[in-house]
Amino acid sequence: MFMPGMVVKQKGRWRLMVVVTVEEERITCGWSAAGRFHQQCFPPQVLRICSPAADVWPVS
């Protein structure tokens, strides 16, 4: 079960992302790269949980 604030990783990729929103069959994840914040939707089958909560995620 995914919740906002969890740190996740897409299977087969190196990028760590944080869960922004959870809707029925879509999970919106965000990450920072090259000084910009990016968001993308993923199905839950392609994500792995890396840590249950992101206490230090810089959201500014």
N, C-alpha and C. Protein backbone atom coordinates (compact mmCIF):
# COMPACT_ATOMS: atom_id res chain seq x y z
N MET A 1 0.84 -1.18 0.00
CA MET A 1 0.00 0.00 0.00
C MET A 1 0.88 1.24 0.00
N PHE A 2 0.67 2.08 -0.96
CA PHE A 2 1.47 3.29 -1.10
C PHE A 2 0.76 4.47 -0.44
N MET A 3 1.54 5.33 0.21
CA MET A 3 1.02 6.52 0.86
C MET A 3 1.89 7.70 0.47
N PRO A 4 1.32 8.91 0.44
CA PRO A 4 2.14 10.10 0.14
C PRO A 4 3.30 10.24 1.13
N GLY A 5 4.46 10.56 0.60
CA GLY A 5 5.65 10.72 1.43
C GLY A 5 6.59 9.53 1.41
N MET A 6 6.15 8.41 0.83
CA MET A 6 7.01 7.22 0.76
C MET A 6 8.07 7.41 -0.32
N VAL A 7 9.25 6.88 -0.07
CA VAL A 7 10.31 6.89 -1.07
C VAL A 7 10.20 5.58 -1.84
N VAL A 8 10.10 5.69 -3.16
CA VAL A 8 9.94 4.51 -4.02
C VAL A 8 10.97 4.54 -5.14
N LYS A 9 11.10 3.40 -5.82
CA LYS A 9 12.00 3.26 -6.94
C LYS A 9 11.28 2.48 -8.01
N GLN A 10 11.41 2.90 -9.25
CA GLN A 10 10.80 2.18 -10.36
C GLN A 10 11.66 0.95 -10.65
N LYS A 11 11.04 -0.19 -10.86
CA LYS A 11 11.78 -1.42 -11.13
C LYS A 11 12.68 -1.24 -12.35
N GLY A 12 13.93 -1.61 -12.20
CA GLY A 12 14.88 -1.51 -13.30
C GLY A 12 15.50 -0.14 -13.49
N ARG A 13 15.18 0.82 -12.64
CA ARG A 13 15.74 2.17 -12.74
C ARG A 13 16.50 2.51 -11.47
N TRP A 14 17.37 3.50 -11.54
CA TRP A 14 18.15 3.90 -10.38
C TRP A 14 17.55 5.07 -9.64
N ARG A 15 16.61 5.79 -10.26
CA ARG A 15 16.09 7.04 -9.71
C ARG A 15 15.17 6.79 -8.50
N LEU A 16 15.45 7.48 -7.40
CA LEU A 16 14.57 7.45 -6.23
C LEU A 16 13.54 8.57 -6.37
N MET A 17 12.30 8.25 -6.03
CA MET A 17 11.21 9.21 -6.16
C MET A 17 10.41 9.22 -4.86
N VAL A 18 9.62 10.24 -4.68
CA VAL A 18 8.73 10.32 -3.54
C VAL A 18 7.29 10.32 -4.06
N VAL A 19 6.42 9.61 -3.34
CA VAL A 19 5.01 9.54 -3.74
C VAL A 19 4.34 10.86 -3.38
N VAL A 20 3.72 11.49 -4.38
CA VAL A 20 3.05 12.77 -4.17
C VAL A 20 1.57 12.55 -3.90
N THR A 21 0.89 11.82 -4.79
CA THR A 21 -0.52 11.51 -4.60
C THR A 21 -0.79 10.07 -4.99
N VAL A 22 -1.83 9.52 -4.39
CA VAL A 22 -2.26 8.16 -4.70
C VAL A 22 -3.72 8.20 -5.10
N GLU A 23 -4.00 7.78 -6.31
CA GLU A 23 -5.37 7.65 -6.80
C GLU A 23 -5.57 6.18 -7.13
N GLU A 24 -6.75 5.76 -7.41
CA GLU A 24 -7.12 4.35 -7.57
C GLU A 24 -6.03 3.48 -8.18
N GLU A 25 -5.73 3.62 -9.42
CA GLU A 25 -4.71 2.81 -10.08
C GLU A 25 -3.55 3.64 -10.61
N ARG A 26 -3.39 4.85 -10.09
CA ARG A 26 -2.30 5.73 -10.50
C ARG A 26 -1.60 6.28 -9.28
N ILE A 27 -0.30 6.26 -9.33
CA ILE A 27 0.51 6.84 -8.25
C ILE A 27 1.38 7.92 -8.88
N THR A 28 1.22 9.14 -8.43
CA THR A 28 2.02 10.25 -8.94
C THR A 28 3.26 10.37 -8.08
N CYS A 29 4.41 10.28 -8.74
CA CYS A 29 5.69 10.37 -8.04
C CYS A 29 6.44 11.60 -8.52
N GLY A 30 7.29 12.13 -7.67
CA GLY A 30 8.08 13.30 -8.03
C GLY A 30 9.54 13.09 -7.67
N TRP A 31 10.42 13.76 -8.42
CA TRP A 31 11.84 13.70 -8.16
C TRP A 31 12.47 14.99 -8.64
N SER A 32 13.66 15.26 -8.15
CA SER A 32 14.39 16.46 -8.53
C SER A 32 15.57 16.06 -9.39
N ALA A 33 15.73 16.72 -10.53
CA ALA A 33 16.85 16.46 -11.42
C ALA A 33 17.19 17.74 -12.17
N ALA A 34 18.46 18.02 -12.27
CA ALA A 34 18.95 19.20 -12.99
C ALA A 34 18.31 20.49 -12.49
N GLY A 35 18.06 20.57 -11.20
CA GLY A 35 17.51 21.78 -10.60
C GLY A 35 16.02 21.98 -10.80
N ARG A 36 15.32 20.97 -11.32
CA ARG A 36 13.88 21.07 -11.55
C ARG A 36 13.17 19.91 -10.87
N PHE A 37 11.90 20.13 -10.54
CA PHE A 37 11.07 19.08 -9.94
C PHE A 37 10.20 18.48 -11.04
N HIS A 38 10.25 17.17 -11.17
CA HIS A 38 9.50 16.45 -12.19
C HIS A 38 8.46 15.57 -11.54
N GLN A 39 7.33 15.36 -12.23
CA GLN A 39 6.28 14.46 -11.75
C GLN A 39 5.87 13.54 -12.87
N GLN A 40 5.52 12.30 -12.50
CA GLN A 40 5.03 11.33 -13.48
C GLN A 40 4.13 10.33 -12.77
N CYS A 41 3.13 9.82 -13.49
CA CYS A 41 2.22 8.82 -12.94
C CYS A 41 2.71 7.42 -13.30
N PHE A 42 2.57 6.50 -12.35
CA PHE A 42 2.98 5.12 -12.55
C PHE A 42 1.90 4.18 -12.04
N PRO A 43 1.78 2.98 -12.61
CA PRO A 43 0.93 1.96 -12.00
C PRO A 43 1.67 1.36 -10.80
N PRO A 44 0.95 0.87 -9.80
CA PRO A 44 1.63 0.37 -8.60
C PRO A 44 2.49 -0.87 -8.84
N GLN A 45 2.28 -1.59 -9.93
CA GLN A 45 3.04 -2.81 -10.19
C GLN A 45 4.50 -2.54 -10.54
N VAL A 46 4.84 -1.35 -10.99
CA VAL A 46 6.21 -1.06 -11.41
C VAL A 46 7.02 -0.34 -10.35
N LEU A 47 6.47 -0.15 -9.15
CA LEU A 47 7.17 0.58 -8.09
C LEU A 47 7.55 -0.34 -6.95
N ARG A 48 8.70 -0.06 -6.36
CA ARG A 48 9.16 -0.76 -5.15
C ARG A 48 9.34 0.25 -4.04
N ILE A 49 8.96 -0.12 -2.84
CA ILE A 49 9.10 0.77 -1.68
C ILE A 49 10.54 0.71 -1.17
N CYS A 50 11.18 1.87 -1.04
CA CYS A 50 12.55 1.94 -0.52
C CYS A 50 12.56 2.33 0.95
N SER A 51 11.67 3.23 1.36
CA SER A 51 11.54 3.57 2.77
C SER A 51 10.10 4.01 3.01
N PRO A 52 9.56 3.72 4.19
CA PRO A 52 8.15 4.00 4.45
C PRO A 52 7.78 5.47 4.50
N ALA A 53 8.71 6.36 4.84
CA ALA A 53 8.37 7.78 4.91
C ALA A 53 9.60 8.62 4.60
N ALA A 54 9.39 9.73 3.93
CA ALA A 54 10.49 10.63 3.59
C ALA A 54 10.47 11.80 4.57
N ASP A 55 11.26 11.70 5.63
CA ASP A 55 11.30 12.76 6.63
C ASP A 55 12.13 13.94 6.17
N VAL A 56 13.07 13.73 5.26
CA VAL A 56 13.98 14.78 4.88
C VAL A 56 13.83 15.20 3.43
N TRP A 57 12.70 14.95 2.80
CA TRP A 57 12.52 15.32 1.40
C TRP A 57 12.39 16.84 1.30
N PRO A 58 13.26 17.49 0.55
CA PRO A 58 13.21 18.96 0.44
C PRO A 58 12.10 19.41 -0.49
N VAL A 59 11.01 19.89 0.07
CA VAL A 59 9.90 20.41 -0.73
C VAL A 59 9.87 21.90 -0.56
N SER A 60 10.57 22.60 -1.43
CA SER A 60 10.62 24.07 -1.34
C SER A 60 10.68 24.67 -2.72
